[in-house]
């Protein structure tokens, strides 16, 4: 899975953050991690789950490139209670 940086930056601004880095800190990434994501490195399941829990399915699909995986395949790796992944 990859983070769509431009879409993530747009989400950050729409949600009141100064930039994507600030939002990335809120969802569990450090400065080095966000820079690696910007270079095209893969994003971890736990960070994607946090994005899903905070912003929902629609926003997650907008900012995450699931590559060969589907959203249903991703969520099946977690326990889903209501709209939250655990």
Protein backbone atom coordinates (compact mmCIF):
# COMPACT_ATOMS: atom_id res chain seq x y z
CA UNK A 1 0.00 0.00 0.00
CA UNK A 2 1.17 3.47 -0.85
CA UNK A 3 0.18 6.88 0.41
CA UNK A 4 -1.11 9.25 -2.28
CA UNK A 5 0.83 12.28 -1.06
CA UNK A 6 -1.09 14.99 -2.94
CA UNK A 7 -4.45 13.60 -1.81
CA UNK A 8 -3.14 13.26 1.76
CA UNK A 9 -1.99 16.88 1.72
CA UNK A 10 -5.45 17.93 0.47
CA UNK A 11 -7.13 15.89 3.22
CA UNK A 12 -4.89 17.52 5.83
CA UNK A 13 -5.83 21.02 4.73
CA UNK A 14 -9.54 20.18 4.53
CA UNK A 15 -9.42 18.84 8.09
CA UNK A 16 -7.66 21.91 9.49
CA UNK A 17 -4.04 20.77 9.59
CA UNK A 18 -1.29 22.99 8.23
CA UNK A 19 0.08 20.23 5.99
CA UNK A 20 0.38 16.49 5.49
CA UNK A 21 3.31 16.22 7.87
CA UNK A 22 1.22 17.59 10.72
CA UNK A 23 -1.56 15.11 9.96
CA UNK A 24 0.93 12.26 9.59
CA UNK A 25 2.10 12.94 13.16
CA UNK A 26 -1.51 12.61 14.35
CA UNK A 27 -1.93 9.20 12.69
CA UNK A 28 1.33 7.79 14.04
CA UNK A 29 4.13 8.69 11.62
CA UNK A 30 7.32 10.45 12.50
CA UNK A 31 9.15 12.98 10.33
CA UNK A 32 11.47 10.36 8.83
CA UNK A 33 8.55 8.03 8.10
CA UNK A 34 6.57 10.72 6.30
CA UNK A 35 9.61 11.62 4.20
CA UNK A 36 10.01 7.94 3.26
CA UNK A 37 6.32 7.76 2.31
CA UNK A 38 6.81 10.82 0.11
CA UNK A 39 9.65 8.96 -1.64
CA UNK A 40 7.32 6.07 -2.47
CA UNK A 41 7.92 3.64 0.38
CA UNK A 42 5.04 1.49 1.55
CA UNK A 43 2.75 2.53 4.39
CA UNK A 44 2.07 0.24 7.35
CA UNK A 45 -1.25 -1.41 8.14
CA UNK A 46 -1.48 0.29 11.53
CA UNK A 47 -1.23 3.79 10.02
CA UNK A 48 -3.80 2.95 7.34
CA UNK A 49 -6.11 1.61 10.06
CA UNK A 50 -5.72 4.88 11.98
CA UNK A 51 -6.58 6.88 8.85
CA UNK A 52 -9.62 4.62 8.35
CA UNK A 53 -10.75 5.06 11.96
CA UNK A 54 -10.36 8.86 11.94
CA UNK A 55 -11.67 9.71 8.49
CA UNK A 56 -13.70 6.75 7.26
CA UNK A 57 -13.76 4.48 4.27
CA UNK A 58 -14.23 7.13 1.57
CA UNK A 59 -11.26 9.25 2.65
CA UNK A 60 -9.09 6.17 3.12
CA UNK A 61 -9.80 5.06 -0.43
CA UNK A 62 -8.91 8.58 -1.62
CA UNK A 63 -5.49 8.74 0.08
CA UNK A 64 -4.31 5.11 -0.01
CA UNK A 65 -3.29 3.14 -3.08
CA UNK A 66 -4.12 -0.41 -2.03
CA UNK A 67 -2.21 -1.74 -5.05
CA UNK A 68 -3.27 -5.39 -5.47
CA UNK A 69 -5.17 -5.49 -2.19
CA UNK A 70 -8.79 -4.40 -1.78
CA UNK A 71 -10.34 -2.40 1.02
CA UNK A 72 -12.31 -5.49 2.09
CA UNK A 73 -9.10 -7.54 2.13
CA UNK A 74 -7.43 -4.87 4.25
CA UNK A 75 -10.30 -4.57 6.76
CA UNK A 76 -10.53 -8.36 7.07
CA UNK A 77 -7.14 -8.31 8.80
CA UNK A 78 -8.72 -6.43 11.70
CA UNK A 79 -11.69 -6.87 13.99
CA UNK A 80 -14.33 -4.42 12.83
CA UNK A 81 -16.72 -3.06 15.45
CA UNK A 82 -19.12 -0.54 13.96
CA UNK A 83 -16.98 1.66 11.75
CA UNK A 84 -13.73 1.14 13.69
CA UNK A 85 -10.90 -1.29 13.11
CA UNK A 86 -9.16 -2.94 16.05
